[in-house]
Amino acid sequence: MIVPPTITDHLTVTHCSHLCCVFLGVWGFVLTL
């Protein structure tokens, strides 16, 4: 299956953004302890 670069980039950016949100959420939780 060939995926256009634009779709691949979009999924990659979305995935990285989600990981950043999770990381910031965990970091914020740790700081409140």
N, C-alpha and C. Protein backbone atom coordinates (compact mmCIF):
# COMPACT_ATOMS: atom_id res chain seq x y z
N MET A 1 0.85 -1.20 0.00
CA MET A 1 0.00 0.00 0.00
C MET A 1 0.88 1.25 0.00
N ILE A 2 0.66 2.10 -1.01
CA ILE A 2 1.45 3.33 -1.12
C ILE A 2 0.68 4.49 -0.49
N VAL A 3 1.30 5.17 0.45
CA VAL A 3 0.64 6.29 1.12
C VAL A 3 1.28 7.60 0.68
N PRO A 4 0.48 8.55 0.23
CA PRO A 4 1.00 9.86 -0.17
C PRO A 4 1.77 10.51 0.98
N PRO A 5 2.87 11.19 0.69
CA PRO A 5 3.69 11.85 1.73
C PRO A 5 2.89 12.79 2.61
N THR A 6 1.92 13.48 2.04
CA THR A 6 1.16 14.45 2.82
C THR A 6 0.37 13.76 3.93
N ILE A 7 -0.23 12.61 3.60
CA ILE A 7 -1.00 11.88 4.61
C ILE A 7 -0.06 11.32 5.68
N THR A 8 1.10 10.83 5.25
CA THR A 8 2.07 10.27 6.20
C THR A 8 2.55 11.36 7.15
N ASP A 9 2.86 12.53 6.62
CA ASP A 9 3.32 13.64 7.45
C ASP A 9 2.24 14.06 8.44
N HIS A 10 0.99 14.09 7.96
CA HIS A 10 -0.12 14.50 8.83
C HIS A 10 -0.26 13.52 9.99
N LEU A 11 -0.19 12.22 9.71
CA LEU A 11 -0.33 11.22 10.76
C LEU A 11 0.84 11.30 11.73
N THR A 12 2.04 11.56 11.18
CA THR A 12 3.23 11.65 12.04
C THR A 12 3.12 12.85 12.97
N VAL A 13 2.70 13.98 12.42
CA VAL A 13 2.58 15.20 13.24
C VAL A 13 1.51 15.01 14.31
N THR A 14 0.40 14.38 13.92
CA THR A 14 -0.69 14.15 14.88
C THR A 14 -0.22 13.23 16.00
N HIS A 15 0.53 12.18 15.63
CA HIS A 15 1.01 11.22 16.61
C HIS A 15 1.99 11.90 17.56
N CYS A 16 2.91 12.70 17.02
CA CYS A 16 3.89 13.39 17.86
C CYS A 16 3.21 14.39 18.78
N SER A 17 2.20 15.08 18.26
CA SER A 17 1.48 16.05 19.09
C SER A 17 0.78 15.35 20.25
N HIS A 18 0.23 14.17 19.97
CA HIS A 18 -0.46 13.40 21.01
C HIS A 18 0.55 12.98 22.08
N LEU A 19 1.73 12.56 21.65
CA LEU A 19 2.75 12.13 22.61
C LEU A 19 3.21 13.31 23.45
N CYS A 20 3.30 14.48 22.82
CA CYS A 20 3.71 15.69 23.55
C CYS A 20 2.67 16.04 24.61
N CYS A 21 1.40 15.91 24.24
CA CYS A 21 0.32 16.22 25.19
C CYS A 21 0.36 15.25 26.37
N VAL A 22 0.61 13.97 26.08
CA VAL A 22 0.68 12.96 27.14
C VAL A 22 1.88 13.25 28.04
N PHE A 23 3.02 13.60 27.43
CA PHE A 23 4.23 13.88 28.19
C PHE A 23 4.02 15.08 29.10
N LEU A 24 3.42 16.15 28.55
CA LEU A 24 3.19 17.36 29.35
C LEU A 24 2.19 17.08 30.46
N GLY A 25 1.21 16.23 30.17
CA GLY A 25 0.21 15.89 31.18
C GLY A 25 0.85 15.14 32.34
N VAL A 26 1.71 14.17 32.01
CA VAL A 26 2.40 13.39 33.04
C VAL A 26 3.35 14.28 33.82
N TRP A 27 4.08 15.15 33.10
CA TRP A 27 5.05 16.05 33.75
C TRP A 27 4.32 16.99 34.71
N GLY A 28 3.16 17.50 34.27
CA GLY A 28 2.37 18.41 35.11
C GLY A 28 1.89 17.68 36.36
N PHE A 29 1.51 16.40 36.18
CA PHE A 29 1.02 15.61 37.31
C PHE A 29 2.15 15.38 38.32
N VAL A 30 3.35 15.13 37.81
CA VAL A 30 4.50 14.90 38.69
C VAL A 30 4.84 16.16 39.47
N LEU A 31 4.74 17.32 38.81
CA LEU A 31 5.06 18.58 39.48
C LEU A 31 4.08 18.91 40.60
N THR A 32 2.84 18.40 40.48
CA THR A 32 1.84 18.70 41.50
C THR A 32 1.96 17.79 42.72
N LEU A 33 2.78 16.75 42.62
CA LEU A 33 2.93 15.83 43.76
C LEU A 33 3.76 16.46 44.86
